[in-house]
Every structure is written in C-alpha cells, then in structure tokens.
Amino acid sequence: MTLLTDIASLDAIATLADSLPVADERAAAAATARQASLTKPPGALGRLEDLAIFLASWQGTDRPVITRAQALVFAGNHGVCDQGVNPFPQEVTAQMVANFETGGAAINQLCRVAGADLSTVALDLDRPTGDITLTAAMSDEDTLRQMRRGAEAVAADAQVLILGEMGIGNSTVAAALSCAAFGGDAAGWVGRGTGSDEAGLARKVDAVRRAVARHAGVRGAAMLAALGGREQAAICGAVLAARAMRIPVILDGFICTAATAPLFDADPRLLDHCLVGHVSREPGHARLLDALGKTPVLALDMALGEGSGAALALGILRAALACHNGMSTFAEAGVAGG
C-alpha cells in the first residue's frame, strides 16, 4: 500500500480526503432499488437494508459480496502506564499477542465463527511510547512509520476489514484522544478499562487531564503523535489504506474508535467508509459515537477490545448480504404487491 509513502508530515493527512475514493452513489441507488423489489414490506429488514446498501456503495455494485474478510489486531505499549493507570503490567500485552497467535483468545473464536482471516501486528512492544503526561507519545516520524505499518498490513483482496487492538494502558490513551478531539472534562471520557478500582480510576482521570492540558492546541493527525500510541497510529494507517482500496472498515469498541478521532478531526470525510461494530460498556464510547455521528451495529454490553465486537458485527453484515443477494424479487417469486 503506497498511499502514505509520499506523506512527509502529519499535517498532510488532512489533504487526503480530496483524492481518496468516495461512495458510489449509482451503486447505492441500484442496491436501494433492489431492496424495494424484494419479497418483503419496504424497510422491513431495517438496518440490514442500510448495511447492504452501504457495502454496495463501496464495492461499486448493486450485488456486494464478502468472499474475504480480514481482521487485524495491532498491539502496542504505553509510557503513561508509569502513572499507575492500569492494574496489569505491560508484559501482558506481549502475552496476549502470543495468545492471539496460538488461537486462544476470544477474537480467535469470533473470527473463526464469522469467517475472517486474523493477523496480529505487534508494534515495538519492548519500546513503550512516551508518557503523555510529560511528553509526546511519539515523534512525527515514528507516528508516520507506524501508520505505514498499519497500511501495509491491509490485504488488497479483502472486501471488508475488521480492526482491533491490544495494549495495556490504551483505554487511558483513548480517553485522552477523545477528550482532546471533542472537549469536556476528562472524567466524562474515562472508564475502568481492564478493571481499575476507585483509586486507579482517579489516577486515570488525573493522567488524562494533565496529558490533554500539556498538549492543548494540537489538532488533526498530530494528536496521534502527542497523545496516541503505535497501535492507534497503525489503525489510522489501515483505515486510510482501506479507503484507498474501497474496502469498508468495521471499527471495534472505544479504544479502536478513539484511535480514529485524529482522522475525523483532520477531515470527517476520512471515516465515511467506516462502520462501528458495537457500542462498548466503556462510558466514553457512546459519547464518542455521538460526536462522530456513527451508529453502532450491535449493543451487547461488551468491553473486551481485540476486535471482538467488530467480528460479531461481520456476521450481521453477512446476514444483510445473504438477504440482499439471495431473496427473490416480487416478480421472480410471482408474488403480488411488488
């Protein structure tokens, strides 16, 4: 994927929307017409109809298919853990990556059921990012490098891309990115993550407040360098690469969605091809979805990460296409009323 190879600065990310593919309105209109001809009352399949039309608009055909779904889980470690924001040590990130690679995690089971090819990309786990309460998480150069790594991981033959993450401390990073992008007090964005107690929650809120204040005024993709992490940068790179290849993206929960907030801040159009698989139990996620104007596919009271909610949403997309492509029209079925 060459989209980001010529990008020399994070500020240039904001210029990409003008040159990236957009939804195919003709294909969407044709898919909408097909929905109207199927043997059901108009609108009876609700959101399933909308999802089929959405996929049609990005595949450029009134009969979209998913023959290959790719799932990518990016993993990184965070210097803000020095502030006591997580009850688990950062060694858990590498241990969970090993669990993904041997098939033992929830995401492995959900991808198998949903029919998605899963890969894990570990991003310099022995080198945590800078502590965002004291300094920038990454240099601009490192941020762009991680974005390119994310972009290069996207398979050109996929019809849909599932994105997930793993990283001890990254719910604090997600809250900081959300707070920086959309404002409000840090407490409204911070949740318990992997199980922080009251004292741990207070440390998270304090860390987010200090980090956002330290990097006040940073906007757009530069927020990734200031407040993000390597997995957040890789997620953004994958999102942009998928857009260049007209591949719809299913984002996972709070952390994965928050990773894309810098892209939205740079230009909201950069997320037009993205769905959000579910609304997380983390309290900031529903607020974040409102700010992004995104409606989640599912609401199952989950807060695991890993891409788990996005993988479940893939099953809904497959169901939407099964109905869209497999149902008879009124004329084909000889049913009156079409």
Protein backbone atom coordinates (compact mmCIF):
# COMPACT_ATOMS: atom_id res chain seq x y z
CA MET A 1 0.00 0.00 0.00
CA THR A 2 1.68 3.19 -1.21
CA LEU A 3 -0.83 5.81 -0.02
CA LEU A 4 1.34 7.08 2.85
CA THR A 5 4.78 6.69 1.33
CA ASP A 6 4.81 10.22 -0.07
CA ILE A 7 3.30 11.85 3.03
CA ALA A 8 6.09 13.84 4.63
CA SER A 9 4.18 15.36 7.55
CA LEU A 10 1.19 14.60 9.73
CA ASP A 11 -0.44 17.85 8.63
CA ALA A 12 -0.64 16.45 5.09
CA ILE A 13 -3.10 13.75 6.25
CA ALA A 14 -5.83 16.40 6.19
CA THR A 15 -5.38 16.81 2.43
CA LEU A 16 -6.04 13.17 1.56
CA ALA A 17 -9.83 13.27 1.58
CA ASP A 18 -9.95 15.21 -1.68
CA SER A 19 -8.08 12.48 -3.55
CA LEU A 20 -9.50 9.32 -1.93
CA PRO A 21 -12.40 7.31 -3.43
CA VAL A 22 -15.92 8.19 -2.34
CA ALA A 23 -19.08 6.11 -2.09
CA ASP A 24 -20.56 5.11 -5.44
CA GLU A 25 -24.00 6.74 -5.47
CA ARG A 26 -25.11 4.85 -8.58
CA ALA A 27 -24.39 1.52 -6.96
CA ALA A 28 -26.16 2.67 -3.80
CA ALA A 29 -29.21 3.71 -5.81
CA ALA A 30 -29.27 0.37 -7.65
CA ALA A 31 -28.98 -1.53 -4.37
CA THR A 32 -31.76 0.60 -2.91
CA ALA A 33 -33.97 -0.24 -5.92
CA ARG A 34 -33.25 -3.93 -5.45
CA GLN A 35 -34.24 -3.71 -1.78
CA ALA A 36 -37.54 -2.17 -2.85
CA SER A 37 -38.20 -5.11 -5.21
CA LEU A 38 -37.56 -7.93 -2.73
CA THR A 39 -40.36 -10.03 -1.24
CA LYS A 40 -40.86 -8.03 1.96
CA PRO A 41 -42.60 -4.84 3.02
CA PRO A 42 -40.46 -1.74 2.32
CA GLY A 43 -37.93 -1.22 5.09
CA ALA A 44 -38.93 -4.40 6.90
CA LEU A 45 -35.31 -5.53 7.35
CA GLY A 46 -34.38 -2.21 8.91
CA ARG A 47 -30.66 -1.70 9.44
CA LEU A 48 -29.85 -4.82 7.40
CA GLU A 49 -31.03 -2.98 4.32
CA ASP A 50 -28.89 0.04 5.13
CA LEU A 51 -25.82 -2.13 5.64
CA ALA A 52 -26.28 -3.90 2.31
CA ILE A 53 -26.62 -0.55 0.53
CA PHE A 54 -23.56 0.79 2.38
CA LEU A 55 -21.47 -2.16 1.20
CA ALA A 56 -22.81 -1.74 -2.33
CA SER A 57 -21.73 1.89 -2.37
CA TRP A 58 -18.12 1.00 -1.53
CA GLN A 59 -17.87 -2.09 -3.74
CA GLY A 60 -19.43 -0.20 -6.64
CA THR A 61 -22.02 -2.86 -7.42
CA ASP A 62 -25.65 -3.47 -6.54
CA ARG A 63 -24.73 -7.05 -5.52
CA PRO A 64 -21.88 -6.70 -3.00
CA VAL A 65 -20.20 -9.83 -1.64
CA ILE A 66 -17.78 -10.76 1.12
CA THR A 67 -15.52 -13.52 -0.12
CA ARG A 68 -12.64 -12.44 2.10
CA ALA A 69 -12.87 -10.62 5.41
CA GLN A 70 -9.61 -9.58 7.03
CA ALA A 71 -9.16 -8.91 10.74
CA LEU A 72 -6.12 -7.04 12.04
CA VAL A 73 -5.25 -6.62 15.72
CA PHE A 74 -2.49 -4.08 16.39
CA ALA A 75 -0.65 -4.18 19.72
CA GLY A 76 1.45 -1.53 21.45
CA ASN A 77 2.72 -0.43 24.86
CA HIS A 78 2.30 2.96 26.51
CA GLY A 79 4.51 5.12 28.69
CA VAL A 80 1.50 6.56 30.52
CA CYS A 81 1.38 3.29 32.45
CA ASP A 82 4.08 4.87 34.62
CA GLN A 83 1.24 6.93 36.13
CA GLY A 84 -0.40 3.82 37.61
CA VAL A 85 -3.37 3.89 35.24
CA ASN A 86 -3.67 0.13 34.79
CA PRO A 87 -3.77 -2.74 37.29
CA PHE A 88 -1.82 -5.06 34.96
CA PRO A 89 1.86 -4.89 33.94
CA GLN A 90 2.78 -4.11 30.35
CA GLU A 91 4.15 -7.64 29.91
CA VAL A 92 0.53 -8.69 29.48
CA THR A 93 0.45 -7.06 26.03
CA ALA A 94 3.07 -9.47 24.65
CA GLN A 95 1.48 -12.37 26.49
CA MET A 96 -1.87 -11.64 24.88
CA VAL A 97 -0.24 -11.31 21.46
CA ALA A 98 1.12 -14.83 21.97
CA ASN A 99 -2.37 -15.94 22.94
CA PHE A 100 -3.78 -14.47 19.72
CA GLU A 101 -1.09 -16.21 17.69
CA THR A 102 -1.84 -19.61 19.23
CA GLY A 103 -5.60 -19.22 18.84
CA GLY A 104 -6.57 -18.95 22.49
CA ALA A 105 -8.29 -15.55 22.69
CA ALA A 106 -11.90 -14.54 22.21
CA ILE A 107 -11.09 -12.81 18.93
CA ASN A 108 -9.78 -16.09 17.50
CA GLN A 109 -13.07 -17.83 18.20
CA LEU A 110 -15.19 -14.95 16.92
CA CYS A 111 -13.19 -14.60 13.70
CA ARG A 112 -13.49 -18.33 13.10
CA VAL A 113 -17.27 -18.21 13.51
CA ALA A 114 -17.62 -15.04 11.43
CA GLY A 115 -15.26 -16.21 8.67
CA ALA A 116 -12.47 -13.66 9.00
CA ASP A 117 -8.73 -14.14 8.47
CA LEU A 118 -7.00 -12.88 11.61
CA SER A 119 -3.49 -11.43 11.85
CA THR A 120 -1.78 -9.76 14.81
CA VAL A 121 0.78 -6.99 14.36
CA ALA A 122 2.97 -6.30 17.41
CA LEU A 123 4.45 -2.80 17.28
CA ASP A 124 7.78 -2.45 19.14
CA LEU A 125 6.41 -3.87 22.39
CA ASP A 126 9.83 -3.58 24.03
CA ARG A 127 9.74 0.18 23.48
CA PRO A 128 6.76 1.87 25.16
CA THR A 129 5.69 5.26 23.90
CA GLY A 130 6.48 8.42 25.84
CA ASP A 131 4.45 9.23 28.94
CA ILE A 132 1.80 11.58 27.53
CA THR A 133 1.51 13.45 30.83
CA LEU A 134 5.14 14.55 30.43
CA THR A 135 5.99 14.49 26.72
CA ALA A 136 4.71 13.47 23.30
CA ALA A 137 3.89 9.80 22.84
CA MET A 138 5.89 9.60 19.60
CA SER A 139 7.83 11.72 17.19
CA ASP A 140 6.09 12.66 13.95
CA GLU A 141 8.48 10.33 12.12
CA ASP A 142 7.65 7.36 14.33
CA THR A 143 3.94 8.10 14.03
CA LEU A 144 4.13 8.07 10.24
CA ARG A 145 6.17 4.89 10.35
CA GLN A 146 3.52 3.14 12.43
CA MET A 147 0.79 4.43 10.12
CA ARG A 148 2.66 2.92 7.18
CA ARG A 149 2.95 -0.39 9.03
CA GLY A 150 -0.79 -0.38 9.51
CA ALA A 151 -1.40 0.47 5.87
CA GLU A 152 0.93 -2.25 4.64
CA ALA A 153 -0.94 -4.90 6.64
CA VAL A 154 -4.19 -4.40 4.72
CA ALA A 155 -4.93 -7.10 2.13
CA ALA A 156 -5.94 -5.70 -1.25
CA ASP A 157 -8.29 -8.62 -1.94
CA ALA A 158 -10.41 -8.16 1.19
CA GLN A 159 -13.99 -6.91 0.86
CA VAL A 160 -14.18 -5.83 4.49
CA LEU A 161 -11.59 -5.01 7.14
CA ILE A 162 -12.07 -5.59 10.88
CA LEU A 163 -9.80 -3.57 13.16
CA GLY A 164 -8.93 -4.26 16.78
CA GLU A 165 -6.20 -3.52 19.31
CA MET A 166 -4.35 -4.74 22.37
CA GLY A 167 -2.26 -2.61 24.70
CA ILE A 168 -2.09 -2.28 28.45
CA GLY A 169 -2.92 1.36 29.26
CA ASN A 170 -4.62 2.15 25.99
CA SER A 171 -8.04 2.93 27.45
CA THR A 172 -6.30 5.94 29.06
CA VAL A 173 -4.92 6.89 25.65
CA ALA A 174 -8.39 6.51 24.12
CA ALA A 175 -9.88 8.83 26.72
CA ALA A 176 -7.14 11.40 26.12
CA LEU A 177 -7.64 11.35 22.34
CA SER A 178 -11.41 11.66 22.74
CA CYS A 179 -11.13 14.48 25.24
CA ALA A 180 -8.62 16.36 23.08
CA ALA A 181 -10.73 15.95 19.95
CA PHE A 182 -14.17 16.72 21.38
CA GLY A 183 -13.66 18.54 24.67
CA GLY A 184 -15.33 18.20 28.04
CA ASP A 185 -13.87 17.11 31.34
CA ALA A 186 -11.64 14.06 31.41
CA ALA A 187 -13.90 12.29 33.90
CA GLY A 188 -16.62 12.04 31.25
CA TRP A 189 -14.33 10.06 28.96
CA VAL A 190 -12.59 7.76 31.45
CA GLY A 191 -13.84 4.30 32.40
CA ARG A 192 -12.48 1.37 34.35
CA GLY A 193 -10.82 -0.31 31.37
CA THR A 194 -9.43 -3.68 32.43
CA GLY A 195 -10.80 -3.28 35.95
CA SER A 196 -9.37 -0.24 37.72
CA ASP A 197 -10.54 0.30 41.29
CA GLU A 198 -11.59 3.73 42.57
CA ALA A 199 -8.02 4.83 43.21
CA GLY A 200 -6.93 3.61 39.79
CA LEU A 201 -9.85 5.38 38.14
CA ALA A 202 -8.84 8.62 39.86
CA ARG A 203 -5.29 8.22 38.58
CA LYS A 204 -6.61 7.71 35.04
CA VAL A 205 -8.73 10.86 35.20
CA ASP A 206 -5.79 12.85 36.54
CA ALA A 207 -3.46 11.50 33.85
CA VAL A 208 -5.91 12.34 31.07
CA ARG A 209 -6.44 15.87 32.41
CA ARG A 210 -2.71 16.52 32.60
CA ALA A 211 -2.00 14.98 29.19
CA VAL A 212 -4.71 16.97 27.40
CA ALA A 213 -3.60 20.18 29.11
CA ARG A 214 0.04 19.57 28.20
CA HIS A 215 -0.82 19.06 24.53
CA ALA A 216 -3.57 21.66 24.27
CA GLY A 217 -3.96 23.12 20.81
CA VAL A 218 -2.67 20.05 18.95
CA ARG A 219 -5.19 19.12 16.25
CA GLY A 220 -5.74 16.62 13.47
CA ALA A 221 -3.35 13.75 12.85
CA ALA A 222 -0.77 15.45 15.09
CA MET A 223 -2.89 14.25 18.03
CA LEU A 224 -1.66 10.74 17.28
CA ALA A 225 1.93 11.78 17.96
CA ALA A 226 1.05 13.84 21.01
CA LEU A 227 -1.45 11.57 22.76
CA GLY A 228 -1.78 8.31 20.85
CA GLY A 229 0.20 5.13 20.61
CA ARG A 230 1.69 2.88 17.99
CA GLU A 231 -1.43 0.74 17.67
CA GLN A 232 -3.58 3.86 17.31
CA ALA A 233 -1.32 5.13 14.52
CA ALA A 234 -1.39 1.74 12.80
CA ILE A 235 -5.18 1.67 13.00
CA CYS A 236 -5.29 5.06 11.28
CA GLY A 237 -2.91 3.88 8.59
CA ALA A 238 -5.05 0.80 7.98
CA VAL A 239 -8.19 2.94 7.78
CA LEU A 240 -6.61 5.16 5.14
CA ALA A 241 -5.24 2.23 3.15
CA ALA A 242 -8.63 0.54 3.17
CA ARG A 243 -10.23 3.74 1.92
CA ALA A 244 -7.78 3.96 -0.97
CA MET A 245 -8.77 0.40 -1.95
CA ARG A 246 -12.51 0.98 -1.41
CA ILE A 247 -12.60 -1.56 1.44
CA PRO A 248 -15.23 -0.85 4.12
CA VAL A 249 -13.91 -0.93 7.68
CA ILE A 250 -15.55 -2.20 10.86
CA LEU A 251 -14.05 -0.46 13.88
CA ASP A 252 -14.27 -2.18 17.24
CA GLY A 253 -15.08 -0.51 20.56
CA PHE A 254 -13.99 2.58 22.46
CA ILE A 255 -10.23 2.27 22.02
CA CYS A 256 -10.35 1.42 18.33
CA THR A 257 -12.92 4.12 17.58
CA ALA A 258 -10.98 6.72 19.58
CA ALA A 259 -7.88 5.86 17.57
CA THR A 260 -9.60 7.36 14.52
CA ALA A 261 -10.62 10.61 16.24
CA PRO A 262 -7.49 12.40 14.91
CA LEU A 263 -8.52 11.46 11.36
CA PHE A 264 -12.03 12.78 11.97
CA ASP A 265 -10.55 15.96 13.40
CA ALA A 266 -8.37 16.33 10.31
CA ASP A 267 -11.34 15.79 7.97
CA PRO A 268 -14.56 13.94 8.92
CA ARG A 269 -14.78 12.51 5.39
CA LEU A 270 -11.81 10.26 6.13
CA LEU A 271 -14.15 7.96 8.13
CA ASP A 272 -17.01 7.80 5.61
CA HIS A 273 -16.22 4.14 4.81
CA CYS A 274 -16.12 3.09 8.47
CA LEU A 275 -18.79 1.30 10.47
CA VAL A 276 -18.57 0.79 14.23
CA GLY A 277 -19.20 -2.80 15.22
CA HIS A 278 -20.63 -2.22 18.67
CA VAL A 279 -21.04 0.28 21.48
CA SER A 280 -18.72 -0.59 24.34
CA ARG A 281 -19.58 -0.63 28.03
CA GLU A 282 -16.81 1.94 28.49
CA PRO A 283 -18.73 5.14 29.32
CA GLY A 284 -16.91 7.30 26.81
CA HIS A 285 -17.85 5.23 23.78
CA ALA A 286 -21.50 6.24 23.38
CA ARG A 287 -20.45 9.86 23.78
CA LEU A 288 -17.71 9.38 21.19
CA LEU A 289 -20.11 7.77 18.71
CA ASP A 290 -22.44 10.75 19.04
CA ALA A 291 -19.55 13.09 18.30
CA LEU A 292 -18.54 11.07 15.25
CA GLY A 293 -22.12 10.67 14.01
CA LYS A 294 -21.79 6.86 13.98
CA THR A 295 -24.49 4.33 14.88
CA PRO A 296 -23.08 1.03 16.18
CA VAL A 297 -24.21 -2.22 14.61
CA LEU A 298 -24.55 -4.01 17.96
CA ALA A 299 -25.00 -3.23 21.66
CA LEU A 300 -24.06 -6.27 23.75
CA ASP A 301 -22.55 -4.71 26.90
CA MET A 302 -19.05 -5.80 25.82
CA ALA A 303 -15.78 -4.13 26.76
CA LEU A 304 -13.09 -6.62 25.70
CA GLY A 305 -11.37 -4.98 22.76
CA GLU A 306 -9.31 -7.23 20.46
CA GLY A 307 -11.75 -6.51 17.61
CA SER A 308 -14.33 -8.75 19.28
CA GLY A 309 -17.37 -6.52 18.70
CA ALA A 310 -16.31 -5.83 15.12
CA ALA A 311 -16.00 -9.57 14.42
CA LEU A 312 -19.51 -10.12 15.72
CA ALA A 313 -20.78 -7.30 13.52
CA LEU A 314 -19.30 -9.07 10.49
CA GLY A 315 -21.90 -11.77 11.00
CA ILE A 316 -24.62 -9.15 10.75
CA LEU A 317 -23.10 -7.83 7.51
CA ARG A 318 -23.03 -11.35 6.08
CA ALA A 319 -26.69 -11.77 7.02
CA ALA A 320 -27.54 -8.46 5.38
CA LEU A 321 -25.89 -9.56 2.13
CA ALA A 322 -27.47 -13.02 2.24
CA CYS A 323 -30.89 -11.38 2.28
CA HIS A 324 -29.95 -8.71 -0.25
CA ASN A 325 -28.49 -11.13 -2.80
CA GLY A 326 -30.46 -14.30 -2.08
CA MET A 327 -34.06 -13.16 -1.68
CA SER A 328 -36.39 -13.30 -4.66
CA THR A 329 -37.97 -10.21 -6.10
CA PHE A 330 -41.76 -9.98 -6.25
CA ALA A 331 -41.56 -10.65 -9.99
CA GLU A 332 -39.29 -13.68 -9.59
CA ALA A 333 -41.45 -15.21 -6.90
CA GLY A 334 -44.76 -14.43 -8.59
CA VAL A 335 -45.93 -12.60 -5.52
CA ALA A 336 -48.38 -9.75 -5.93
CA GLY A 337 -47.57 -6.35 -4.49
CA GLY A 338 -44.17 -5.62 -5.94
